[in-house]
Amino acid sequence: MKILAVAACTVGIAHTYMAQEAIEQECKKRGFDVKVETQGGLGIENEIEEDEIEEADFILMAVSVGIEGEERFEEKEEEGKILTVDPSEVIKNPVEVIDRLISL
C-alpha cells in the first residue's frame, strides 16, 4: 500500500516534524510505502510529485493551516481517498489515524 501525507502546523516547527515522524513510523510498522511532505518553517521539504499522487492509495493531511499546492490533491479528494486531521491527533494516536485512513 502506498500512503502519502502532508504535515503542516501553525508555527511550522515542532508539530509538523513530530507528525511526519509518527506517520512514517506507523506506516513502516505496517509495511506500507510512505512519503511525507512537510510544509514548515523551512518551507516545503520532500515535495510530493504529481505521479506519486496518481499512484497513491491514500493521502493523509495532518495539517492545521492552509498548505501550498493543495489543488494537487483534488482528484484524490473527489475519490474519497483523503483524510484530514490535526497534526496533534496523529502525534497522539498514529495507529487510530492510519486505521481511519485505510478504511476510507
N, C-alpha and C. Protein backbone atom coordinates (compact mmCIF):
# COMPACT_ATOMS: atom_id res chain seq x y z
N MET A 1 0.85 -1.18 0.00
CA MET A 1 0.00 0.00 0.00
C MET A 1 0.89 1.24 0.00
N LYS A 2 0.49 2.23 -0.75
CA LYS A 2 1.27 3.47 -0.84
C LYS A 2 0.48 4.61 -0.20
N ILE A 3 1.08 5.20 0.84
CA ILE A 3 0.47 6.30 1.58
C ILE A 3 1.31 7.56 1.37
N LEU A 4 0.64 8.66 1.06
CA LEU A 4 1.29 9.96 1.01
C LEU A 4 0.70 10.80 2.12
N ALA A 5 1.49 11.74 2.62
CA ALA A 5 0.98 12.61 3.68
C ALA A 5 1.60 13.99 3.54
N VAL A 6 0.87 14.98 4.03
CA VAL A 6 1.38 16.33 4.16
C VAL A 6 1.23 16.72 5.62
N ALA A 7 2.30 17.24 6.20
CA ALA A 7 2.27 17.68 7.59
C ALA A 7 2.58 19.18 7.62
N ALA A 8 1.72 19.94 8.31
CA ALA A 8 1.93 21.38 8.44
C ALA A 8 1.16 21.86 9.67
N CYS A 9 1.85 22.63 10.53
CA CYS A 9 1.20 23.20 11.71
C CYS A 9 1.30 24.72 11.67
N THR A 10 0.62 25.35 12.59
CA THR A 10 0.53 26.81 12.56
C THR A 10 1.88 27.49 12.69
N VAL A 11 2.75 27.01 13.53
CA VAL A 11 4.06 27.63 13.70
C VAL A 11 5.06 27.07 12.68
N GLY A 12 4.83 25.83 12.25
CA GLY A 12 5.70 25.24 11.25
C GLY A 12 6.98 24.66 11.79
N ILE A 13 6.97 24.32 13.06
CA ILE A 13 8.20 23.76 13.63
C ILE A 13 7.89 22.39 14.23
N ALA A 14 7.65 22.34 15.51
CA ALA A 14 7.60 21.06 16.23
C ALA A 14 6.55 20.09 15.72
N HIS A 15 5.28 20.49 15.71
CA HIS A 15 4.23 19.54 15.36
C HIS A 15 4.33 19.04 13.93
N THR A 16 4.82 19.87 13.02
CA THR A 16 4.99 19.43 11.63
C THR A 16 5.90 18.21 11.58
N TYR A 17 7.03 18.30 12.22
CA TYR A 17 8.03 17.23 12.13
C TYR A 17 7.71 16.06 13.06
N MET A 18 7.03 16.32 14.17
CA MET A 18 6.58 15.23 15.03
C MET A 18 5.51 14.41 14.31
N ALA A 19 4.62 15.07 13.59
CA ALA A 19 3.59 14.36 12.82
C ALA A 19 4.24 13.53 11.72
N GLN A 20 5.22 14.11 11.04
CA GLN A 20 5.94 13.38 10.00
C GLN A 20 6.53 12.09 10.56
N GLU A 21 7.20 12.20 11.69
CA GLU A 21 7.82 11.03 12.30
C GLU A 21 6.79 9.97 12.70
N ALA A 22 5.68 10.40 13.29
CA ALA A 22 4.64 9.46 13.72
C ALA A 22 4.04 8.72 12.52
N ILE A 23 3.78 9.44 11.44
CA ILE A 23 3.21 8.83 10.23
C ILE A 23 4.20 7.83 9.63
N GLU A 24 5.44 8.24 9.49
CA GLU A 24 6.45 7.37 8.89
C GLU A 24 6.63 6.10 9.72
N GLN A 25 6.72 6.23 11.03
CA GLN A 25 6.94 5.06 11.88
C GLN A 25 5.77 4.09 11.81
N GLU A 26 4.55 4.60 11.88
CA GLU A 26 3.38 3.72 11.86
C GLU A 26 3.24 3.02 10.51
N CYS A 27 3.45 3.74 9.43
CA CYS A 27 3.34 3.12 8.10
C CYS A 27 4.43 2.08 7.89
N LYS A 28 5.63 2.35 8.34
CA LYS A 28 6.72 1.38 8.18
C LYS A 28 6.46 0.12 9.00
N LYS A 29 5.85 0.27 10.20
CA LYS A 29 5.49 -0.91 11.00
C LYS A 29 4.54 -1.81 10.23
N ARG A 30 3.70 -1.20 9.42
CA ARG A 30 2.69 -1.96 8.67
C ARG A 30 3.20 -2.42 7.31
N GLY A 31 4.41 -2.03 6.96
CA GLY A 31 4.97 -2.42 5.67
C GLY A 31 4.46 -1.58 4.51
N PHE A 32 3.93 -0.41 4.77
CA PHE A 32 3.41 0.47 3.73
C PHE A 32 4.55 1.33 3.18
N ASP A 33 4.48 1.62 1.88
CA ASP A 33 5.34 2.66 1.31
C ASP A 33 4.77 3.99 1.78
N VAL A 34 5.64 4.89 2.21
CA VAL A 34 5.16 6.16 2.75
C VAL A 34 6.10 7.29 2.34
N LYS A 35 5.51 8.43 2.06
CA LYS A 35 6.27 9.65 1.81
C LYS A 35 5.50 10.79 2.47
N VAL A 36 6.21 11.59 3.26
CA VAL A 36 5.59 12.70 3.97
C VAL A 36 6.23 14.01 3.52
N GLU A 37 5.42 14.87 2.95
CA GLU A 37 5.85 16.23 2.61
C GLU A 37 5.62 17.10 3.83
N THR A 38 6.62 17.90 4.18
CA THR A 38 6.43 18.84 5.28
C THR A 38 6.40 20.25 4.72
N GLN A 39 5.50 21.03 5.30
CA GLN A 39 5.43 22.45 4.98
C GLN A 39 5.58 23.18 6.30
N GLY A 40 6.83 23.42 6.65
CA GLY A 40 7.13 24.01 7.95
C GLY A 40 7.92 25.29 7.82
N GLY A 41 8.61 25.60 8.88
CA GLY A 41 9.40 26.81 8.95
C GLY A 41 10.50 26.88 7.91
N LEU A 42 10.91 25.74 7.39
CA LEU A 42 11.95 25.69 6.37
C LEU A 42 11.38 25.65 4.95
N GLY A 43 10.06 25.86 4.84
CA GLY A 43 9.41 25.77 3.53
C GLY A 43 8.96 24.35 3.24
N ILE A 44 8.77 24.05 1.96
CA ILE A 44 8.33 22.71 1.56
C ILE A 44 9.56 21.80 1.45
N GLU A 45 9.49 20.68 2.14
CA GLU A 45 10.54 19.67 2.07
C GLU A 45 9.93 18.34 1.67
N ASN A 46 10.69 17.55 0.91
CA ASN A 46 10.23 16.23 0.48
C ASN A 46 8.94 16.34 -0.33
N GLU A 47 8.92 17.28 -1.27
CA GLU A 47 7.71 17.61 -2.02
C GLU A 47 7.15 16.42 -2.78
N ILE A 48 5.85 16.25 -2.69
CA ILE A 48 5.13 15.18 -3.39
C ILE A 48 4.89 15.60 -4.83
N GLU A 49 5.22 14.70 -5.76
CA GLU A 49 5.07 14.97 -7.19
C GLU A 49 3.73 14.42 -7.70
N GLU A 50 3.29 14.94 -8.85
CA GLU A 50 2.02 14.53 -9.44
C GLU A 50 1.93 13.03 -9.67
N ASP A 51 2.99 12.42 -10.20
CA ASP A 51 2.95 10.99 -10.47
C ASP A 51 2.82 10.17 -9.19
N GLU A 52 3.39 10.65 -8.11
CA GLU A 52 3.26 9.97 -6.82
C GLU A 52 1.81 10.03 -6.33
N ILE A 53 1.16 11.15 -6.55
CA ILE A 53 -0.24 11.30 -6.15
C ILE A 53 -1.11 10.31 -6.92
N GLU A 54 -0.86 10.20 -8.21
CA GLU A 54 -1.64 9.27 -9.04
C GLU A 54 -1.49 7.83 -8.55
N GLU A 55 -0.30 7.46 -8.10
CA GLU A 55 -0.02 6.09 -7.67
C GLU A 55 -0.47 5.79 -6.24
N ALA A 56 -0.76 6.82 -5.47
CA ALA A 56 -1.06 6.64 -4.04
C ALA A 56 -2.42 5.99 -3.82
N ASP A 57 -2.47 5.14 -2.79
CA ASP A 57 -3.75 4.55 -2.39
C ASP A 57 -4.54 5.54 -1.53
N PHE A 58 -3.85 6.22 -0.61
CA PHE A 58 -4.50 7.16 0.30
C PHE A 58 -3.57 8.33 0.58
N ILE A 59 -4.18 9.45 0.97
CA ILE A 59 -3.41 10.63 1.33
C ILE A 59 -3.91 11.12 2.69
N LEU A 60 -2.96 11.35 3.57
CA LEU A 60 -3.26 11.87 4.91
C LEU A 60 -2.80 13.32 4.98
N MET A 61 -3.72 14.19 5.33
CA MET A 61 -3.39 15.60 5.53
C MET A 61 -3.36 15.86 7.03
N ALA A 62 -2.17 15.94 7.59
CA ALA A 62 -2.00 16.26 9.02
C ALA A 62 -1.67 17.75 9.08
N VAL A 63 -2.70 18.55 8.93
CA VAL A 63 -2.50 19.99 8.78
C VAL A 63 -3.44 20.79 9.68
N SER A 64 -2.91 21.91 10.18
CA SER A 64 -3.74 22.82 10.97
C SER A 64 -3.72 24.22 10.35
N VAL A 65 -3.18 24.31 9.14
CA VAL A 65 -3.13 25.57 8.38
C VAL A 65 -3.35 25.24 6.91
N GLY A 66 -3.61 26.27 6.12
CA GLY A 66 -3.69 26.07 4.68
C GLY A 66 -2.32 25.69 4.15
N ILE A 67 -2.27 24.87 3.10
CA ILE A 67 -0.99 24.44 2.56
C ILE A 67 -0.82 24.92 1.12
N GLU A 68 0.41 25.00 0.70
CA GLU A 68 0.70 25.35 -0.68
C GLU A 68 0.47 24.12 -1.56
N GLY A 69 -0.09 24.34 -2.74
CA GLY A 69 -0.27 23.25 -3.70
C GLY A 69 -1.39 22.29 -3.37
N GLU A 70 -2.36 22.74 -2.60
CA GLU A 70 -3.46 21.85 -2.20
C GLU A 70 -4.23 21.32 -3.40
N GLU A 71 -4.27 22.10 -4.49
CA GLU A 71 -5.01 21.70 -5.68
C GLU A 71 -4.46 20.40 -6.30
N ARG A 72 -3.22 20.04 -5.99
CA ARG A 72 -2.63 18.80 -6.50
C ARG A 72 -3.45 17.58 -6.09
N PHE A 73 -4.17 17.70 -5.00
CA PHE A 73 -4.84 16.54 -4.40
C PHE A 73 -6.34 16.48 -4.70
N GLU A 74 -6.83 17.36 -5.57
CA GLU A 74 -8.28 17.43 -5.84
C GLU A 74 -8.87 16.12 -6.33
N GLU A 75 -8.17 15.44 -7.21
CA GLU A 75 -8.70 14.18 -7.75
C GLU A 75 -8.85 13.12 -6.67
N LYS A 76 -7.86 13.00 -5.80
CA LYS A 76 -7.95 12.03 -4.70
C LYS A 76 -9.05 12.43 -3.72
N GLU A 77 -9.24 13.73 -3.54
CA GLU A 77 -10.33 14.21 -2.68
C GLU A 77 -11.68 13.77 -3.24
N GLU A 78 -11.85 13.93 -4.55
CA GLU A 78 -13.10 13.51 -5.21
C GLU A 78 -13.33 12.02 -5.10
N GLU A 79 -12.24 11.25 -5.07
CA GLU A 79 -12.33 9.79 -4.94
C GLU A 79 -12.58 9.36 -3.49
N GLY A 80 -12.55 10.31 -2.55
CA GLY A 80 -12.74 9.98 -1.14
C GLY A 80 -11.54 9.28 -0.52
N LYS A 81 -10.34 9.59 -1.01
CA LYS A 81 -9.13 8.92 -0.56
C LYS A 81 -8.25 9.80 0.32
N ILE A 82 -8.82 10.89 0.85
CA ILE A 82 -8.04 11.80 1.70
C ILE A 82 -8.69 11.92 3.07
N LEU A 83 -7.86 11.82 4.09
CA LEU A 83 -8.29 12.06 5.47
C LEU A 83 -7.52 13.26 5.98
N THR A 84 -8.24 14.23 6.56
CA THR A 84 -7.59 15.41 7.12
C THR A 84 -7.76 15.40 8.64
N VAL A 85 -6.64 15.53 9.33
CA VAL A 85 -6.64 15.56 10.80
C VAL A 85 -5.67 16.65 11.25
N ASP A 86 -5.81 17.05 12.50
CA ASP A 86 -4.85 17.97 13.09
C ASP A 86 -3.55 17.21 13.35
N PRO A 87 -2.40 17.87 13.17
CA PRO A 87 -1.13 17.17 13.44
C PRO A 87 -1.06 16.56 14.83
N SER A 88 -1.61 17.23 15.83
CA SER A 88 -1.55 16.70 17.19
C SER A 88 -2.28 15.36 17.31
N GLU A 89 -3.32 15.16 16.51
CA GLU A 89 -4.08 13.91 16.55
C GLU A 89 -3.22 12.73 16.08
N VAL A 90 -2.47 12.92 15.01
CA VAL A 90 -1.63 11.83 14.51
C VAL A 90 -0.42 11.61 15.42
N ILE A 91 0.04 12.66 16.08
CA ILE A 91 1.15 12.50 17.04
C ILE A 91 0.70 11.66 18.23
N LYS A 92 -0.50 11.95 18.74
CA LYS A 92 -1.01 11.25 19.93
C LYS A 92 -1.47 9.83 19.63
N ASN A 93 -2.05 9.62 18.44
CA ASN A 93 -2.64 8.32 18.17
C ASN A 93 -2.46 7.91 16.71
N PRO A 94 -1.23 7.64 16.28
CA PRO A 94 -1.00 7.30 14.88
C PRO A 94 -1.69 6.02 14.43
N VAL A 95 -1.82 5.05 15.32
CA VAL A 95 -2.47 3.79 14.97
C VAL A 95 -3.92 4.05 14.54
N GLU A 96 -4.65 4.79 15.35
CA GLU A 96 -6.05 5.08 15.05
C GLU A 96 -6.19 5.89 13.77
N VAL A 97 -5.33 6.88 13.58
CA VAL A 97 -5.43 7.72 12.38
C VAL A 97 -5.15 6.90 11.12
N ILE A 98 -4.14 6.08 11.13
CA ILE A 98 -3.84 5.27 9.95
C ILE A 98 -4.95 4.24 9.72
N ASP A 99 -5.51 3.68 10.78
CA ASP A 99 -6.67 2.77 10.62
C ASP A 99 -7.82 3.49 9.94
N ARG A 100 -8.11 4.72 10.38
CA ARG A 100 -9.20 5.50 9.77
C ARG A 100 -8.90 5.79 8.30
N LEU A 101 -7.65 6.11 8.01
CA LEU A 101 -7.26 6.43 6.65
C LEU A 101 -7.49 5.24 5.72
N ILE A 102 -7.01 4.08 6.09
CA ILE A 102 -7.10 2.92 5.18
C ILE A 102 -8.49 2.31 5.15
N SER A 103 -9.39 2.79 5.99
CA SER A 103 -10.77 2.29 5.94
C SER A 103 -11.67 3.18 5.06
N LEU A 104 -11.08 4.21 4.47
CA LEU A 104 -11.88 5.12 3.62
C LEU A 104 -12.50 4.41 2.44
